[in-house]
N, C-alpha and C. Protein backbone atom coordinates (compact mmCIF):
# COMPACT_ATOMS: atom_id res chain seq x y z
N MET A 1 -118.43 -6.82 29.50
CA MET A 1 -117.56 -7.89 28.46
C MET A 1 -118.02 -9.11 29.32
N ALA A 2 -117.78 -10.29 28.59
CA ALA A 2 -118.40 -11.24 29.26
C ALA A 2 -117.26 -12.01 30.35
N LEU A 3 -115.68 -11.57 29.87
CA LEU A 3 -114.33 -11.92 30.77
C LEU A 3 -114.28 -10.98 31.49
N GLU A 4 -114.21 -11.22 32.85
CA GLU A 4 -113.74 -10.16 33.34
C GLU A 4 -112.25 -10.31 33.47
N LEU A 5 -111.48 -9.32 33.51
CA LEU A 5 -109.86 -9.09 33.27
C LEU A 5 -109.84 -8.54 33.87
N ASP A 6 -108.29 -8.45 34.89
CA ASP A 6 -107.57 -7.66 35.38
C ASP A 6 -106.48 -7.01 34.86
N PHE A 7 -106.77 -6.34 34.14
CA PHE A 7 -105.27 -5.40 32.78
C PHE A 7 -104.29 -5.16 33.63
N ALA A 8 -104.17 -5.18 35.01
CA ALA A 8 -103.06 -4.75 35.87
C ALA A 8 -101.99 -5.75 36.13
N LYS A 9 -102.60 -6.46 35.78
CA LYS A 9 -101.66 -8.55 35.69
C LYS A 9 -101.06 -8.55 34.09
N LEU A 10 -101.86 -8.11 33.00
CA LEU A 10 -101.10 -8.15 31.66
C LEU A 10 -100.55 -7.19 31.29
N THR A 11 -99.48 -7.78 30.24
CA THR A 11 -98.47 -6.73 30.00
C THR A 11 -99.05 -6.05 28.28
N PRO A 12 -98.93 -5.14 27.96
CA PRO A 12 -99.04 -4.39 26.45
C PRO A 12 -99.02 -5.61 25.66
N GLN A 13 -98.48 -6.28 25.51
CA GLN A 13 -98.36 -7.72 24.66
C GLN A 13 -99.67 -8.30 24.86
N ASP A 14 -99.94 -8.87 25.98
CA ASP A 14 -101.36 -9.55 25.98
C ASP A 14 -102.11 -8.94 26.27
N VAL A 15 -101.96 -7.62 26.45
CA VAL A 15 -103.76 -6.96 26.02
C VAL A 15 -103.75 -6.75 24.30
N LEU A 16 -102.91 -6.86 23.95
CA LEU A 16 -102.88 -6.81 22.09
C LEU A 16 -102.91 -8.09 21.51
N ASP A 17 -102.20 -9.36 22.43
CA ASP A 17 -102.67 -10.53 21.94
C ASP A 17 -104.47 -10.63 22.06
N LEU A 18 -104.87 -10.28 23.18
CA LEU A 18 -106.24 -10.66 23.44
C LEU A 18 -107.22 -9.88 22.44
N ALA A 19 -106.81 -8.72 22.28
CA ALA A 19 -107.46 -8.02 21.16
C ALA A 19 -107.43 -8.68 19.71
N LEU A 20 -106.72 -9.33 19.56
CA LEU A 20 -106.20 -10.29 18.41
C LEU A 20 -107.09 -11.51 18.34
N PHE A 21 -107.06 -12.08 19.39
CA PHE A 21 -108.13 -13.10 19.75
C PHE A 21 -109.56 -12.58 19.10
N ALA A 22 -109.82 -11.71 20.33
CA ALA A 22 -111.53 -10.94 20.30
C ALA A 22 -111.38 -10.59 18.82
N GLU A 23 -110.63 -10.40 17.92
CA GLU A 23 -111.37 -9.88 16.38
C GLU A 23 -111.48 -11.21 15.76
N ARG A 24 -110.71 -12.31 15.90
CA ARG A 24 -110.75 -13.65 15.47
C ARG A 24 -112.11 -14.06 16.08
N GLU A 25 -112.45 -14.05 17.15
CA GLU A 25 -113.97 -14.69 17.55
C GLU A 25 -114.89 -13.27 16.69
N ALA A 26 -114.77 -12.63 16.79
CA ALA A 26 -115.94 -11.69 16.07
C ALA A 26 -115.95 -12.05 14.53
N GLU A 27 -115.15 -12.32 14.16
CA GLU A 27 -115.00 -12.84 12.40
C GLU A 27 -115.57 -14.44 12.61
N GLU A 28 -115.54 -14.82 13.31
CA GLU A 28 -115.67 -16.17 13.43
C GLU A 28 -117.40 -16.26 13.31
N GLY A 29 -118.07 -14.98 14.37
CA GLY A 29 -119.30 -14.82 14.98
C GLY A 29 -120.37 -14.64 13.69
N TYR A 30 -120.02 -13.47 12.99
CA TYR A 30 -120.14 -12.99 12.00
C TYR A 30 -120.65 -13.90 11.05
N ASP A 31 -119.28 -14.75 10.38
CA ASP A 31 -119.18 -16.03 9.89
C ASP A 31 -120.55 -16.61 10.30
N ARG A 32 -120.80 -17.11 11.47
CA ARG A 32 -121.97 -18.05 11.90
C ARG A 32 -123.06 -17.52 11.71
N LEU A 33 -123.31 -15.97 11.50
CA LEU A 33 -125.17 -15.49 11.76
C LEU A 33 -124.89 -15.38 10.10
N ALA A 34 -124.02 -15.04 9.12
CA ALA A 34 -124.30 -14.82 7.95
C ALA A 34 -124.56 -16.50 7.66
N ALA A 35 -124.28 -17.45 7.65
CA ALA A 35 -124.42 -18.71 7.58
C ALA A 35 -126.04 -19.33 7.87
N LEU A 36 -126.52 -18.68 9.24
CA LEU A 36 -127.55 -19.10 9.81
C LEU A 36 -128.80 -18.05 9.12
N MET A 37 -128.22 -16.49 8.40
CA MET A 37 -129.13 -15.67 8.10
C MET A 37 -129.30 -16.81 6.44
N ARG A 38 -128.25 -16.86 5.68
CA ARG A 38 -128.61 -17.27 4.66
C ARG A 38 -129.33 -18.95 4.67
N ALA A 39 -129.19 -19.80 5.24
CA ALA A 39 -129.79 -21.09 5.79
C ALA A 39 -131.28 -20.38 5.83
N GLN A 40 -131.62 -19.25 6.34
CA GLN A 40 -133.24 -18.93 6.46
C GLN A 40 -133.68 -18.27 5.22
N GLY A 41 -132.99 -17.75 4.14
CA GLY A 41 -133.29 -17.29 2.72
C GLY A 41 -133.10 -15.21 3.06
N ARG A 42 -132.62 -15.19 4.43
CA ARG A 42 -132.42 -14.16 4.31
C ARG A 42 -131.28 -13.51 3.64
N THR A 43 -130.82 -13.33 2.78
CA THR A 43 -129.67 -13.06 2.17
C THR A 43 -129.07 -11.90 2.14
N GLU A 44 -129.87 -11.09 1.87
CA GLU A 44 -129.30 -9.19 2.40
C GLU A 44 -128.98 -9.26 3.85
N LEU A 45 -129.28 -9.63 4.87
CA LEU A 45 -128.81 -9.94 6.06
C LEU A 45 -127.51 -10.57 5.73
N ALA A 46 -127.39 -11.94 5.25
CA ALA A 46 -126.83 -12.35 5.31
C ALA A 46 -125.38 -12.05 4.73
N ALA A 47 -125.32 -11.26 3.79
CA ALA A 47 -124.76 -10.04 2.79
C ALA A 47 -123.76 -9.29 3.88
N PHE A 48 -124.76 -8.85 4.64
CA PHE A 48 -124.56 -7.46 5.49
C PHE A 48 -123.62 -8.19 6.55
N PHE A 49 -123.99 -9.67 7.31
CA PHE A 49 -122.59 -10.01 8.54
C PHE A 49 -121.50 -10.58 7.88
N THR A 50 -121.62 -10.82 6.59
CA THR A 50 -120.43 -10.97 5.94
C THR A 50 -119.60 -9.72 5.53
N ARG A 51 -120.18 -8.89 5.40
CA ARG A 51 -119.85 -7.39 5.34
C ARG A 51 -118.98 -7.17 6.16
N MET A 52 -119.22 -7.68 7.67
CA MET A 52 -118.90 -7.43 9.19
C MET A 52 -117.49 -8.11 9.33
N ALA A 53 -117.68 -9.15 9.10
CA ALA A 53 -116.70 -10.55 9.23
C ALA A 53 -115.68 -9.77 8.35
N ALA A 54 -116.33 -9.36 7.43
CA ALA A 54 -114.56 -8.91 6.70
C ALA A 54 -113.86 -7.17 7.41
N TRP A 55 -114.70 -6.38 7.90
CA TRP A 55 -114.27 -5.64 8.66
C TRP A 55 -113.70 -6.27 9.72
N GLU A 56 -114.12 -7.12 10.54
CA GLU A 56 -113.32 -7.69 11.87
C GLU A 56 -111.69 -8.22 11.26
N ARG A 57 -111.90 -8.75 9.70
CA ARG A 57 -110.74 -9.35 9.41
C ARG A 57 -109.74 -7.70 9.22
N GLY A 58 -110.32 -7.06 8.86
CA GLY A 58 -109.34 -5.67 8.99
C GLY A 58 -108.81 -5.60 9.92
N HIS A 59 -109.55 -5.66 11.52
CA HIS A 59 -109.19 -5.17 12.52
C HIS A 59 -108.23 -6.04 12.79
N GLN A 60 -108.15 -7.17 12.70
CA GLN A 60 -106.68 -8.11 12.81
C GLN A 60 -105.78 -7.83 12.10
N ASP A 61 -106.05 -7.30 10.89
CA ASP A 61 -104.79 -6.94 10.35
C ASP A 61 -104.23 -5.87 10.54
N LYS A 62 -104.55 -4.67 11.26
CA LYS A 62 -104.16 -3.78 11.78
C LYS A 62 -103.63 -4.50 13.21
N LEU A 63 -104.33 -5.34 14.26
CA LEU A 63 -103.70 -5.31 15.02
C LEU A 63 -102.24 -5.95 15.26
N ALA A 64 -102.16 -7.56 13.75
CA ALA A 64 -101.40 -7.81 13.61
C ALA A 64 -99.98 -7.26 13.29
N GLU A 65 -100.19 -6.35 12.43
CA GLU A 65 -99.37 -5.43 11.82
C GLU A 65 -98.66 -4.57 13.11
N ARG A 66 -99.27 -3.94 14.23
CA ARG A 66 -98.95 -3.19 15.24
C ARG A 66 -97.72 -4.26 16.04
N ARG A 67 -98.94 -4.95 16.51
CA ARG A 67 -97.73 -6.62 17.02
C ARG A 67 -96.28 -6.91 16.68
N GLN A 68 -96.49 -7.16 15.12
CA GLN A 68 -95.23 -7.28 14.54
C GLN A 68 -94.42 -6.24 14.38
N ALA A 69 -94.29 -5.29 15.10
CA ALA A 69 -93.69 -3.98 14.96
C ALA A 69 -93.05 -3.81 15.88
N LEU A 70 -94.22 -4.26 17.23
CA LEU A 70 -93.51 -4.07 18.11
C LEU A 70 -92.85 -5.04 19.06
N TYR A 71 -93.11 -6.67 18.77
CA TYR A 71 -93.30 -7.59 19.26
C TYR A 71 -92.71 -8.75 18.44
N PRO A 72 -91.67 -8.34 17.20
CA PRO A 72 -91.57 -9.29 16.28
C PRO A 72 -91.25 -10.56 16.56
N SER A 73 -90.29 -10.89 17.34
CA SER A 73 -90.33 -12.61 17.59
C SER A 73 -90.72 -12.99 18.84
N ALA A 74 -91.82 -12.22 19.86
CA ALA A 74 -91.82 -12.85 21.06
C ALA A 74 -93.18 -13.63 20.98
N PRO A 75 -92.96 -14.97 21.36
CA PRO A 75 -94.38 -15.86 21.62
C PRO A 75 -95.50 -15.01 22.46
N SER A 76 -96.68 -15.54 22.18
CA SER A 76 -97.76 -14.98 22.73
C SER A 76 -97.81 -15.74 24.17
N HIS A 77 -97.97 -14.92 25.55
CA HIS A 77 -98.27 -15.59 26.75
C HIS A 77 -99.33 -16.21 26.96
N LEU A 78 -99.89 -15.75 26.03
CA LEU A 78 -101.75 -16.48 26.46
C LEU A 78 -101.93 -17.63 25.29
N ALA A 79 -102.67 -18.42 25.58
CA ALA A 79 -103.33 -19.46 24.54
C ALA A 79 -104.33 -19.64 23.85
N ASP A 80 -104.68 -19.10 23.20
CA ASP A 80 -105.85 -19.05 22.32
C ASP A 80 -107.30 -20.13 22.22
N ARG A 81 -107.25 -20.61 23.24
CA ARG A 81 -107.71 -22.17 22.94
C ARG A 81 -109.25 -22.02 23.18
N ALA A 82 -109.79 -20.99 23.93
CA ALA A 82 -111.46 -20.83 24.28
C ALA A 82 -111.66 -19.95 24.06
N PRO A 83 -112.95 -19.53 23.35
CA PRO A 83 -113.82 -18.51 23.68
C PRO A 83 -113.42 -17.78 24.93
N TRP A 84 -113.19 -16.31 24.53
CA TRP A 84 -112.38 -15.18 25.28
C TRP A 84 -113.95 -14.54 25.88
N GLY A 85 -114.96 -14.21 24.78
CA GLY A 85 -116.13 -13.49 25.05
C GLY A 85 -116.24 -12.07 25.10
N ILE A 86 -115.32 -11.84 24.44
CA ILE A 86 -114.65 -10.19 24.26
C ILE A 86 -115.90 -9.37 23.53
N GLU A 87 -115.54 -9.94 22.11
CA GLU A 87 -116.54 -9.85 20.82
C GLU A 87 -116.82 -10.87 20.26
N LEU A 88 -117.96 -11.54 20.97
CA LEU A 88 -118.44 -12.95 20.61
C LEU A 88 -120.10 -13.16 20.98
N PRO A 89 -120.84 -13.11 19.89
CA PRO A 89 -122.40 -13.29 20.24
C PRO A 89 -122.42 -14.46 20.94
N ASP A 90 -123.38 -14.77 21.76
CA ASP A 90 -123.08 -15.37 23.11
C ASP A 90 -123.66 -17.24 22.33
N ASP A 91 -123.09 -17.66 22.36
CA ASP A 91 -122.90 -19.35 21.21
C ASP A 91 -124.21 -20.12 21.83
N ALA A 92 -124.54 -20.30 23.28
CA ALA A 92 -126.16 -20.88 23.38
C ALA A 92 -127.41 -19.97 22.41
N ALA A 93 -126.91 -18.61 22.33
CA ALA A 93 -128.27 -18.30 21.14
C ALA A 93 -128.19 -18.15 19.82
N VAL A 94 -127.15 -18.91 19.41
CA VAL A 94 -126.85 -18.46 17.71
C VAL A 94 -127.21 -20.03 17.65
N THR A 95 -128.92 -19.86 17.26
CA THR A 95 -129.37 -21.47 16.94
C THR A 95 -130.42 -21.07 15.80
N ALA A 96 -130.58 -22.45 14.84
CA ALA A 96 -131.30 -22.13 13.59
C ALA A 96 -132.20 -21.49 13.85
N SER A 97 -133.09 -21.60 15.07
CA SER A 97 -134.22 -20.84 14.90
C SER A 97 -134.26 -18.97 15.03
N LEU A 98 -132.63 -19.06 15.05
CA LEU A 98 -132.93 -17.47 15.86
C LEU A 98 -133.00 -16.44 14.84
N THR A 99 -134.00 -15.12 14.90
CA THR A 99 -135.00 -14.71 14.27
C THR A 99 -133.57 -13.29 13.75
N PRO A 100 -133.58 -12.71 12.55
CA PRO A 100 -133.08 -11.41 12.37
C PRO A 100 -132.69 -10.47 13.40
N ALA A 101 -133.99 -10.08 14.04
CA ALA A 101 -133.91 -9.30 15.13
C ALA A 101 -132.98 -9.41 16.15
N ARG A 102 -132.89 -10.55 16.50
CA ARG A 102 -132.47 -11.10 17.82
C ARG A 102 -130.73 -11.53 17.28
N ALA A 103 -130.06 -12.05 16.16
CA ALA A 103 -129.02 -11.74 15.34
C ALA A 103 -128.73 -10.53 15.45
N LEU A 104 -129.37 -9.38 14.99
CA LEU A 104 -128.46 -8.34 15.31
C LEU A 104 -128.36 -8.13 16.27
N GLU A 105 -129.30 -8.43 17.42
CA GLU A 105 -128.95 -7.95 18.86
C GLU A 105 -127.86 -8.21 19.78
N LEU A 106 -127.77 -9.43 19.00
CA LEU A 106 -126.62 -10.78 19.45
C LEU A 106 -125.14 -9.62 19.00
N ALA A 107 -124.94 -9.17 17.32
CA ALA A 107 -124.38 -8.43 17.26
C ALA A 107 -123.88 -7.68 17.81
N ARG A 108 -124.74 -6.29 17.72
CA ARG A 108 -125.02 -5.24 18.62
C ARG A 108 -124.15 -5.47 20.16
N ASP A 109 -124.59 -6.30 20.38
CA ASP A 109 -124.13 -6.73 22.15
C ASP A 109 -122.94 -6.66 22.20
N ALA A 110 -122.59 -7.74 21.23
CA ALA A 110 -121.21 -8.16 20.94
C ALA A 110 -119.74 -6.70 20.77
N GLU A 111 -120.50 -6.01 19.74
CA GLU A 111 -119.59 -4.94 19.63
C GLU A 111 -119.19 -3.79 20.84
N VAL A 112 -120.67 -3.91 21.68
CA VAL A 112 -120.85 -2.91 22.91
C VAL A 112 -119.61 -3.59 23.80
N SER A 113 -119.59 -4.72 24.30
CA SER A 113 -118.69 -5.20 24.42
C SER A 113 -117.46 -5.38 24.34
N ALA A 114 -117.18 -5.15 22.82
CA ALA A 114 -115.63 -4.77 22.48
C ALA A 114 -115.24 -3.83 22.22
N TYR A 115 -116.45 -2.89 22.25
CA TYR A 115 -115.98 -1.42 22.88
C TYR A 115 -115.48 -0.93 24.35
N GLN A 116 -116.07 -1.78 25.51
CA GLN A 116 -115.96 -2.25 26.71
C GLN A 116 -114.26 -2.50 26.39
N TYR A 117 -113.99 -3.16 26.05
CA TYR A 117 -112.52 -3.89 25.94
C TYR A 117 -111.62 -2.84 25.55
N TYR A 118 -111.78 -2.43 24.82
CA TYR A 118 -110.40 -1.15 24.05
C TYR A 118 -111.33 -0.11 25.05
N THR A 119 -112.14 0.37 25.42
CA THR A 119 -111.81 1.13 26.85
C THR A 119 -111.20 1.01 28.02
N GLN A 120 -110.95 0.26 28.01
CA GLN A 120 -110.61 -0.53 29.63
C GLN A 120 -109.06 -0.66 29.37
N ALA A 121 -109.07 -1.18 28.05
CA ALA A 121 -107.60 -1.35 28.21
C ALA A 121 -106.57 -0.44 27.72
N LEU A 122 -107.41 1.03 27.56
CA LEU A 122 -106.58 1.93 27.05
C LEU A 122 -106.21 2.64 28.31
N GLU A 123 -106.67 1.93 29.50
CA GLU A 123 -106.19 2.84 30.63
C GLU A 123 -104.98 2.01 31.18
N PHE A 124 -104.87 1.07 30.92
CA PHE A 124 -103.93 0.01 30.98
C PHE A 124 -102.78 0.40 29.91
N VAL A 125 -102.99 0.61 28.88
CA VAL A 125 -101.39 0.73 27.83
C VAL A 125 -101.13 1.51 27.51
N ALA A 126 -99.71 1.87 27.97
CA ALA A 126 -98.90 2.73 27.75
C ALA A 126 -97.92 3.11 26.70
N GLU A 127 -97.71 1.90 26.43
CA GLU A 127 -97.10 2.14 24.54
C GLU A 127 -98.10 2.81 23.75
N GLN A 128 -97.82 3.79 23.30
CA GLN A 128 -98.03 4.89 22.54
C GLN A 128 -98.97 4.48 21.20
N PRO A 129 -98.14 3.38 19.95
CA PRO A 129 -98.26 2.92 19.11
C PRO A 129 -99.53 1.65 19.73
N VAL A 130 -99.60 0.98 20.25
CA VAL A 130 -100.43 0.23 20.96
C VAL A 130 -101.82 0.59 21.23
N ALA A 131 -101.99 2.07 22.22
CA ALA A 131 -103.13 2.86 22.50
C ALA A 131 -104.08 3.33 21.29
N GLU A 132 -103.04 4.05 19.91
CA GLU A 132 -103.40 4.35 18.94
C GLU A 132 -104.12 3.43 18.17
N VAL A 133 -103.63 2.04 18.51
CA VAL A 133 -104.70 1.00 17.45
C VAL A 133 -105.93 0.71 18.60
N PHE A 134 -105.77 0.83 19.46
CA PHE A 134 -107.03 0.41 20.21
C PHE A 134 -107.92 1.65 20.44
N GLU A 135 -107.46 2.99 20.08
CA GLU A 135 -108.41 4.01 20.28
C GLU A 135 -109.28 4.14 19.04
N LEU A 136 -108.37 3.42 17.68
CA LEU A 136 -109.01 3.64 16.38
C LEU A 136 -110.11 2.40 16.78
N LEU A 137 -109.78 1.42 16.72
CA LEU A 137 -110.72 0.32 17.00
C LEU A 137 -111.80 0.71 18.16
N ARG A 138 -111.33 1.28 19.13
CA ARG A 138 -112.68 1.76 19.85
C ARG A 138 -113.62 2.59 19.34
N LYS A 139 -113.15 3.25 18.15
CA LYS A 139 -114.11 4.63 18.00
C LYS A 139 -114.83 3.51 16.51
N GLU A 140 -114.22 2.77 15.77
CA GLU A 140 -114.32 1.68 14.78
C GLU A 140 -115.92 0.65 15.38
N GLU A 141 -115.89 0.31 16.65
CA GLU A 141 -116.66 -0.80 17.68
C GLU A 141 -118.03 0.21 17.52
N LEU A 142 -117.76 1.58 17.80
CA LEU A 142 -119.03 2.72 17.97
C LEU A 142 -119.76 2.76 16.50
N GLY A 143 -118.85 2.72 15.32
CA GLY A 143 -119.60 2.56 14.06
C GLY A 143 -120.19 1.44 13.89
N HIS A 144 -119.47 0.31 14.65
CA HIS A 144 -120.28 -1.00 13.88
C HIS A 144 -121.80 -1.32 14.73
N GLN A 145 -121.66 -0.54 16.05
CA GLN A 145 -122.83 -0.46 16.70
C GLN A 145 -123.88 0.20 16.20
N ARG A 146 -123.57 1.34 15.36
CA ARG A 146 -124.76 2.26 14.69
C ARG A 146 -124.92 1.58 13.52
N LEU A 147 -123.93 0.82 12.27
CA LEU A 147 -124.36 -0.17 11.51
C LEU A 147 -125.18 -0.94 11.66
N LEU A 148 -124.83 -1.45 13.05
CA LEU A 148 -126.25 -2.57 13.81
C LEU A 148 -127.84 -2.10 13.98
N GLU A 149 -127.37 -0.90 14.50
CA GLU A 149 -128.86 -0.08 15.03
C GLU A 149 -129.72 0.10 13.79
N GLY A 150 -128.74 0.35 12.56
CA GLY A 150 -129.38 0.97 11.22
C GLY A 150 -129.96 -0.14 10.74
N GLU A 151 -129.43 -1.07 11.03
CA GLU A 151 -130.35 -2.91 10.52
C GLU A 151 -131.50 -3.09 11.23
N LEU A 152 -131.43 -2.76 12.21
CA LEU A 152 -132.48 -3.56 13.33
C LEU A 152 -133.24 -2.24 13.11
N ALA A 153 -133.51 -1.32 12.91
CA ALA A 153 -134.38 -0.31 12.23
C ALA A 153 -135.33 -0.49 11.17
N LYS A 154 -134.43 -1.58 10.13
CA LYS A 154 -134.67 -1.60 8.67
C LYS A 154 -136.09 -2.36 9.07
N LEU A 155 -135.93 -3.46 10.00
CA LEU A 155 -137.03 -4.68 9.95
C LEU A 155 -138.32 -4.05 10.53
């Protein structure tokens, strides 16, 4: 993970909120990669990244639903003002000259980081409903890594 987190200092609500922020960042990252690939005329890869962004929106929906059920009126203790870097490609590397292979590598690295986040978070989240959604998302991050590896193999 790009961000060093001390999970022992976070509440279960904080960990859930961070996951929401991370999934939003992931969606935005995939949208950026899709736009770059579209600008390079790589329409199939752009469509792949657009699908990945949609899956990240699905993750947000799952997390938001769980948060609403557990903390219906609780404000977030954390501000979503800066990149958390949990599941976000390195902004400095996302340039107009980004190659398709490097775009896929950056996305894969972001998915590895997300998997690590959920793995670490599971050690500190005692609330079963939060743990269940984190375990599901952790597995989905592995699936995303496999999809990205498959796309890399096509190049």
